[in-house]
């Protein structure tokens, strides 16, 4: 009789393979302190709640405190967009101790940083997509205060990229080309310089990153230095003291979906979804531009994404779960 029961149980498991039938319990999701992470957290909450039957809770977070809490307290369950370069040692320890688990790429392209010019400059002169072309046309990039100099728009004071950009400014001989490092004063002000230049179809050269609403609204081209030296970038260009800086593109920053191991153990179906869920920077840039234009909160942004891109999110879940999510969307 025991063998018959075991066989029946095994058969039932095989019949329902690929479908998510198990009940899901409470799940806490970190909403990190930036727009793309807010969107991801709300999309995950909607899918886990309406597709998998989880009792979801979105909690505020940020990289260091959230990661530390996940290691030490086992909560929250999920950090949808986690930039792991800022948490390497503690992350490795948490994984070794089986407290944490990386399920996949939150951003399939990784976090993207670099020097950019507007696409209309490149359309007019393809060489402007290279650092050599930019330097050759340095006089186009008017300094806001000194007509004798050219402007490179850099990071606001206190940002980590300010250090890296300063070293690259030296490595690329931008000063000799006539460029001056110009601090816009804040992230919003830096974005404003791009918007102003783009709307007037004026030259602009400087640092920016993705995913962001700015790169979703304004088509920019990343300037090619011709080399990416990750080891030199990590060991020298990112440090306060870099005695012999050499040119290097910003390497992609790994951006992962981080969960506590206990979530994987108790909610394997939800974990399987998160392992598949990933956004390209182009997709996220466009979503963030919509969010900004419509002043949308996280929940509204998530519903907009799910309604407009079923071809993307349906690939993340089994067919029966996709039906439940679609039904929930139609009732809103």
Protein backbone atom coordinates (compact mmCIF):
# COMPACT_ATOMS: atom_id res chain seq x y z
CA UNK A 1 0.00 0.00 0.00
CA UNK A 2 2.84 2.42 0.86
CA UNK A 3 4.40 1.78 -2.52
CA UNK A 4 1.09 2.49 -4.25
CA UNK A 5 0.68 5.76 -2.37
CA UNK A 6 4.24 6.80 -3.18
CA UNK A 7 3.70 6.01 -6.84
CA UNK A 8 0.48 8.04 -6.89
CA UNK A 9 2.20 11.00 -5.32
CA UNK A 10 5.07 10.78 -7.79
CA UNK A 11 2.63 10.55 -10.70
CA UNK A 12 0.72 13.61 -9.50
CA UNK A 13 3.95 15.53 -9.25
CA UNK A 14 4.89 14.60 -12.79
CA UNK A 15 1.47 15.50 -14.18
CA UNK A 16 1.59 18.99 -12.67
CA UNK A 17 5.25 19.65 -13.52
CA UNK A 18 5.71 23.09 -15.07
CA UNK A 19 2.62 24.50 -13.36
CA UNK A 20 2.64 26.43 -10.10
CA UNK A 21 -0.01 25.09 -7.78
CA UNK A 22 1.52 25.37 -4.31
CA UNK A 23 0.14 28.05 -2.02
CA UNK A 24 2.46 30.97 -1.42
CA UNK A 25 2.87 32.62 1.97
CA UNK A 26 4.09 36.06 3.07
CA UNK A 27 6.76 37.67 0.90
CA UNK A 28 8.55 40.94 1.63
CA UNK A 29 10.04 42.89 -1.29
CA UNK A 30 12.52 45.75 -1.00
CA UNK A 31 11.74 48.98 -2.84
CA UNK A 32 15.19 50.50 -3.20
CA UNK A 33 15.67 54.24 -3.35
CA UNK A 34 15.54 54.74 -7.15
CA UNK A 35 12.95 54.59 -9.93
CA UNK A 36 13.86 51.37 -11.75
CA UNK A 37 14.00 49.41 -8.48
CA UNK A 38 10.58 50.79 -7.52
CA UNK A 39 9.13 49.58 -10.81
CA UNK A 40 10.70 46.13 -10.40
CA UNK A 41 9.47 45.78 -6.83
CA UNK A 42 5.90 46.59 -7.82
CA UNK A 43 5.92 44.29 -10.85
CA UNK A 44 7.22 41.45 -8.65
CA UNK A 45 4.58 42.20 -6.02
CA UNK A 46 1.77 42.14 -8.59
CA UNK A 47 2.94 38.90 -10.22
CA UNK A 48 3.64 37.07 -6.97
CA UNK A 49 0.33 38.18 -5.47
CA UNK A 50 -2.00 37.69 -8.42
CA UNK A 51 -0.19 34.87 -10.13
CA UNK A 52 1.18 32.82 -7.26
CA UNK A 53 -1.17 33.79 -4.42
CA UNK A 54 1.53 35.32 -2.23
CA UNK A 55 0.78 37.82 0.52
CA UNK A 56 3.20 40.50 -0.65
CA UNK A 57 4.54 43.49 1.25
CA UNK A 58 6.75 46.20 -0.23
CA UNK A 59 9.24 47.67 2.26
CA UNK A 60 11.64 50.61 1.86
CA UNK A 61 15.31 49.80 1.32
CA UNK A 62 18.73 50.77 0.02
CA UNK A 63 21.78 48.77 -1.00
CA UNK A 64 23.84 48.52 2.18
CA UNK A 65 21.07 48.39 4.83
CA UNK A 66 18.92 46.01 2.78
CA UNK A 67 21.80 43.65 2.02
CA UNK A 68 22.95 43.68 5.63
CA UNK A 69 19.45 42.96 6.91
CA UNK A 70 19.05 40.06 4.48
CA UNK A 71 22.28 38.50 5.74
CA UNK A 72 21.75 39.11 9.45
CA UNK A 73 17.96 38.95 9.85
CA UNK A 74 16.77 37.02 6.81
CA UNK A 75 14.56 39.88 5.64
CA UNK A 76 13.32 41.22 3.34
CA UNK A 77 12.86 38.15 1.17
CA UNK A 78 13.65 39.85 -2.13
CA UNK A 79 15.83 42.74 -3.34
CA UNK A 80 14.71 42.95 -7.00
CA UNK A 81 17.50 45.26 -8.24
CA UNK A 82 20.74 44.81 -6.33
CA UNK A 83 23.99 46.39 -7.55
CA UNK A 84 26.36 43.81 -6.15
CA UNK A 85 29.65 45.69 -6.70
CA UNK A 86 28.78 47.75 -3.63
CA UNK A 87 28.29 44.66 -1.45
CA UNK A 88 30.83 42.11 -2.70
CA UNK A 89 32.44 40.86 0.52
CA UNK A 90 29.26 40.59 2.57
CA UNK A 91 27.44 39.02 -0.38
CA UNK A 92 30.10 36.33 -0.81
CA UNK A 93 29.94 35.57 2.91
CA UNK A 94 26.13 35.41 2.87
CA UNK A 95 26.14 33.00 -0.06
CA UNK A 96 28.86 30.82 1.52
CA UNK A 97 26.78 30.60 4.71
CA UNK A 98 23.66 29.76 2.63
CA UNK A 99 21.83 32.85 3.83
CA UNK A 100 21.61 34.54 0.41
CA UNK A 101 21.04 33.45 -3.17
CA UNK A 102 21.45 35.29 -6.49
CA UNK A 103 18.63 34.20 -8.80
CA UNK A 104 19.48 36.03 -12.01
CA UNK A 105 20.12 39.32 -13.78
CA UNK A 106 17.75 42.10 -12.82
CA UNK A 107 19.21 44.10 -15.72
CA UNK A 108 20.27 41.87 -18.60
CA UNK A 109 22.78 44.47 -19.83
CA UNK A 110 24.06 45.30 -16.37
CA UNK A 111 24.16 48.83 -15.06
CA UNK A 112 25.50 51.08 -17.79
CA UNK A 113 27.75 54.12 -17.34
CA UNK A 114 29.81 56.12 -19.76
CA UNK A 115 30.48 59.33 -21.66
CA UNK A 116 27.71 60.31 -24.08
CA UNK A 117 26.86 62.64 -26.95
CA UNK A 118 23.44 63.24 -28.56
CA UNK A 119 22.57 60.97 -31.48
CA UNK A 120 22.07 63.91 -33.84
CA UNK A 121 25.77 64.74 -33.58
CA UNK A 122 26.69 61.20 -34.60
CA UNK A 123 24.13 61.24 -37.43
CA UNK A 124 25.89 64.31 -38.82
CA UNK A 125 29.43 63.04 -38.14
CA UNK A 126 29.85 59.33 -37.26
CA UNK A 127 33.33 60.00 -35.83
CA UNK A 128 31.60 61.70 -32.88
CA UNK A 129 30.81 58.23 -31.54
CA UNK A 130 34.52 57.90 -30.70
CA UNK A 131 36.66 59.80 -28.21
CA UNK A 132 38.98 60.78 -31.06
CA UNK A 133 36.09 62.40 -32.93
CA UNK A 134 34.91 64.25 -29.83
CA UNK A 135 38.40 65.60 -29.12
CA UNK A 136 38.81 66.67 -32.76
CA UNK A 137 35.56 68.67 -32.46
CA UNK A 138 36.16 69.96 -28.93
CA UNK A 139 35.29 73.55 -29.82
CA UNK A 140 31.68 72.52 -30.49
CA UNK A 141 31.09 71.84 -26.79
CA UNK A 142 30.80 75.36 -25.44
CA UNK A 143 31.73 75.99 -21.83
CA UNK A 144 28.83 77.73 -19.99
CA UNK A 145 31.16 80.27 -18.37
CA UNK A 146 34.42 80.39 -20.33
CA UNK A 147 34.23 80.79 -24.14
CA UNK A 148 37.90 79.81 -24.42
CA UNK A 149 37.22 76.32 -23.06
CA UNK A 150 35.11 73.31 -23.94
CA UNK A 151 32.74 71.62 -21.48
CA UNK A 152 32.73 68.05 -20.23
CA UNK A 153 29.72 67.62 -17.93
CA UNK A 154 30.82 65.46 -15.03
CA UNK A 155 29.23 63.97 -11.88
CA UNK A 156 28.10 66.17 -9.00
CA UNK A 157 30.56 66.48 -6.12
CA UNK A 158 30.44 63.52 -3.74
CA UNK A 159 29.37 60.93 -6.30
CA UNK A 160 31.68 57.95 -6.82
CA UNK A 161 31.81 58.60 -10.56
CA UNK A 162 33.35 62.02 -9.90
CA UNK A 163 36.58 60.27 -8.93
CA UNK A 164 36.56 57.97 -11.96
CA UNK A 165 35.73 60.79 -14.37
CA UNK A 166 38.57 62.88 -12.98
CA UNK A 167 41.05 60.08 -13.68
CA UNK A 168 39.62 59.51 -17.18
CA UNK A 169 39.83 63.26 -17.85
CA UNK A 170 43.57 62.93 -17.27
CA UNK A 171 43.98 59.60 -19.06
CA UNK A 172 42.19 60.83 -22.19
CA UNK A 173 44.15 64.13 -22.25
CA UNK A 174 40.92 66.11 -22.27
CA UNK A 175 42.53 69.13 -20.65
CA UNK A 176 45.05 69.36 -23.48
CA UNK A 177 42.13 69.23 -25.92
CA UNK A 178 40.60 72.28 -24.24
CA UNK A 179 37.99 70.59 -22.07
CA UNK A 180 37.14 71.67 -18.53
CA UNK A 181 35.31 69.49 -16.00
CA UNK A 182 31.94 71.15 -15.36
CA UNK A 183 29.90 70.16 -12.29
CA UNK A 184 26.21 70.88 -12.88
CA UNK A 185 25.66 70.79 -9.10
CA UNK A 186 23.16 67.95 -8.78
CA UNK A 187 21.78 64.93 -10.58
CA UNK A 188 18.68 66.89 -11.59
CA UNK A 189 20.79 69.75 -12.92
CA UNK A 190 22.97 67.34 -14.91
CA UNK A 191 19.83 65.83 -16.46
CA UNK A 192 18.64 69.35 -17.18
CA UNK A 193 21.73 70.13 -19.24
CA UNK A 194 21.00 67.13 -21.47
CA UNK A 195 17.35 68.12 -21.88
CA UNK A 196 18.26 71.72 -22.72
CA UNK A 197 20.90 70.73 -25.28
CA UNK A 198 18.66 68.11 -26.87
CA UNK A 199 15.65 70.37 -27.23
CA UNK A 200 17.86 73.00 -28.93
CA UNK A 201 19.83 70.40 -30.91
CA UNK A 202 23.07 71.69 -29.42
CA UNK A 203 26.30 69.75 -28.77
CA UNK A 204 26.66 68.06 -25.36
CA UNK A 205 29.41 65.83 -23.99
CA UNK A 206 29.46 64.29 -20.54
CA UNK A 207 28.83 61.45 -18.13
CA UNK A 208 25.49 59.68 -17.60
CA UNK A 209 24.17 56.26 -16.68
CA UNK A 210 21.36 53.79 -17.39
CA UNK A 211 18.72 52.78 -16.77
CA UNK A 212 17.28 56.29 -16.40
CA UNK A 213 14.34 58.28 -17.67
CA UNK A 214 16.76 60.72 -19.30
CA UNK A 215 18.23 58.10 -21.63
CA UNK A 216 14.71 56.90 -22.33
CA UNK A 217 13.58 60.35 -23.44
CA UNK A 218 16.72 61.57 -25.18
CA UNK A 219 18.57 59.34 -27.62
CA UNK A 220 22.24 59.44 -26.73
CA UNK A 221 25.27 57.57 -28.08
CA UNK A 222 27.94 56.21 -25.75
CA UNK A 223 31.37 57.45 -26.77
CA UNK A 224 33.79 54.62 -27.57
CA UNK A 225 37.29 54.81 -26.03
CA UNK A 226 38.41 51.71 -27.93
CA UNK A 227 39.35 49.77 -24.80
CA UNK A 228 37.76 48.30 -21.66
CA UNK A 229 40.25 47.28 -18.99
CA UNK A 230 38.15 46.07 -16.08
CA UNK A 231 41.12 45.25 -13.87
CA UNK A 232 42.65 48.72 -14.27
CA UNK A 233 39.20 50.29 -13.92
CA UNK A 234 38.51 48.51 -10.62
CA UNK A 235 41.99 48.77 -9.13
CA UNK A 236 42.93 52.30 -10.20
CA UNK A 237 40.26 54.42 -11.89
CA UNK A 238 37.72 53.96 -9.09
CA UNK A 239 40.23 54.79 -6.34
CA UNK A 240 40.91 58.24 -4.89
CA UNK A 241 44.59 57.83 -5.79
CA UNK A 242 45.38 56.51 -9.27
CA UNK A 243 48.92 57.54 -10.12
CA UNK A 244 48.95 56.39 -13.74
CA UNK A 245 45.38 56.41 -15.08
CA UNK A 246 44.81 54.78 -18.46
CA UNK A 247 41.75 55.00 -20.71
CA UNK A 248 39.00 52.46 -20.14
CA UNK A 249 35.30 52.34 -20.84
CA UNK A 250 33.09 51.85 -17.81
CA UNK A 251 32.56 48.06 -17.60
CA UNK A 252 28.95 46.95 -17.05
CA UNK A 253 27.98 46.79 -13.38
CA UNK A 254 26.36 43.45 -12.45
CA UNK A 255 22.81 44.08 -11.24
CA UNK A 256 21.19 40.97 -9.79
CA UNK A 257 18.02 39.78 -8.12
CA UNK A 258 19.01 38.94 -4.56
CA UNK A 259 16.89 36.76 -2.26
CA UNK A 260 17.30 35.12 1.11
CA UNK A 261 17.86 31.36 0.85
CA UNK A 262 14.83 30.66 3.02
CA UNK A 263 12.61 32.21 0.31
CA UNK A 264 14.02 29.82 -2.30
CA UNK A 265 13.46 26.88 0.04
CA UNK A 266 9.84 27.68 0.88
CA UNK A 267 8.70 29.33 -2.41
CA UNK A 268 10.46 27.47 -5.26
CA UNK A 269 7.83 28.56 -7.80
CA UNK A 270 8.30 32.23 -6.95
CA UNK A 271 12.06 31.74 -7.08
CA UNK A 272 11.76 30.18 -10.54
CA UNK A 273 9.90 33.29 -11.73
CA UNK A 274 12.54 35.64 -10.34
CA UNK A 275 15.32 33.60 -11.97
CA UNK A 276 13.72 34.26 -15.38
CA UNK A 277 12.68 37.87 -14.81
CA UNK A 278 15.08 40.37 -16.41
CA UNK A 279 14.86 43.80 -18.08
CA UNK A 280 17.03 45.27 -20.81
CA UNK A 281 18.26 48.81 -20.28
CA UNK A 282 16.44 49.97 -23.41
CA UNK A 283 13.16 48.60 -22.06
CA UNK A 284 13.71 50.08 -18.61
CA UNK A 285 14.77 53.47 -20.00
CA UNK A 286 11.49 53.66 -21.91
CA UNK A 287 9.43 52.65 -18.88
CA UNK A 288 11.13 55.24 -16.67
CA UNK A 289 10.53 57.95 -19.26
CA UNK A 290 6.81 57.05 -19.17
CA UNK A 291 6.84 57.12 -15.36
CA UNK A 292 8.41 60.58 -15.32
CA UNK A 293 6.13 62.00 -17.99
CA UNK A 294 3.04 60.70 -16.19
CA UNK A 295 4.25 61.27 -12.62
CA UNK A 296 3.24 57.67 -11.94
CA UNK A 297 3.76 55.86 -8.65
CA UNK A 298 5.24 52.37 -8.50
CA UNK A 299 1.94 50.49 -8.60
CA UNK A 300 0.66 52.47 -11.58
CA UNK A 301 3.98 51.98 -13.38
CA UNK A 302 3.84 48.22 -12.79
CA UNK A 303 0.30 47.91 -14.17
CA UNK A 304 1.29 50.00 -17.21
CA UNK A 305 4.26 47.72 -17.89
CA UNK A 306 2.20 44.54 -17.49
CA UNK A 307 -0.55 45.87 -19.77
CA UNK A 308 1.80 47.09 -22.50
CA UNK A 309 4.39 44.31 -22.54
CA UNK A 310 2.65 40.94 -22.09
CA UNK A 311 5.02 39.46 -24.67
CA UNK A 312 7.86 40.05 -22.22
CA UNK A 313 6.47 39.08 -18.81
CA UNK A 314 4.54 36.03 -20.06
CA UNK A 315 7.91 34.45 -20.86
CA UNK A 316 8.80 34.71 -17.17
CA UNK A 317 5.92 32.56 -15.85
CA UNK A 318 4.10 29.28 -16.65
CA UNK A 319 0.97 29.54 -18.82
CA UNK A 320 -1.45 28.96 -15.93
CA UNK A 321 0.14 31.79 -13.94
CA UNK A 322 -0.02 34.13 -16.96
CA UNK A 323 -3.78 33.51 -17.19
CA UNK A 324 -4.26 34.51 -13.53
CA UNK A 325 -2.23 37.69 -13.95
CA UNK A 326 -4.10 38.65 -17.12
CA UNK A 327 -7.44 38.12 -15.36
CA UNK A 328 -6.32 40.35 -12.50
CA UNK A 329 -5.28 43.09 -14.92
CA UNK A 330 -8.65 43.00 -16.72
CA UNK A 331 -10.47 43.56 -13.41
CA UNK A 332 -8.59 46.80 -12.67
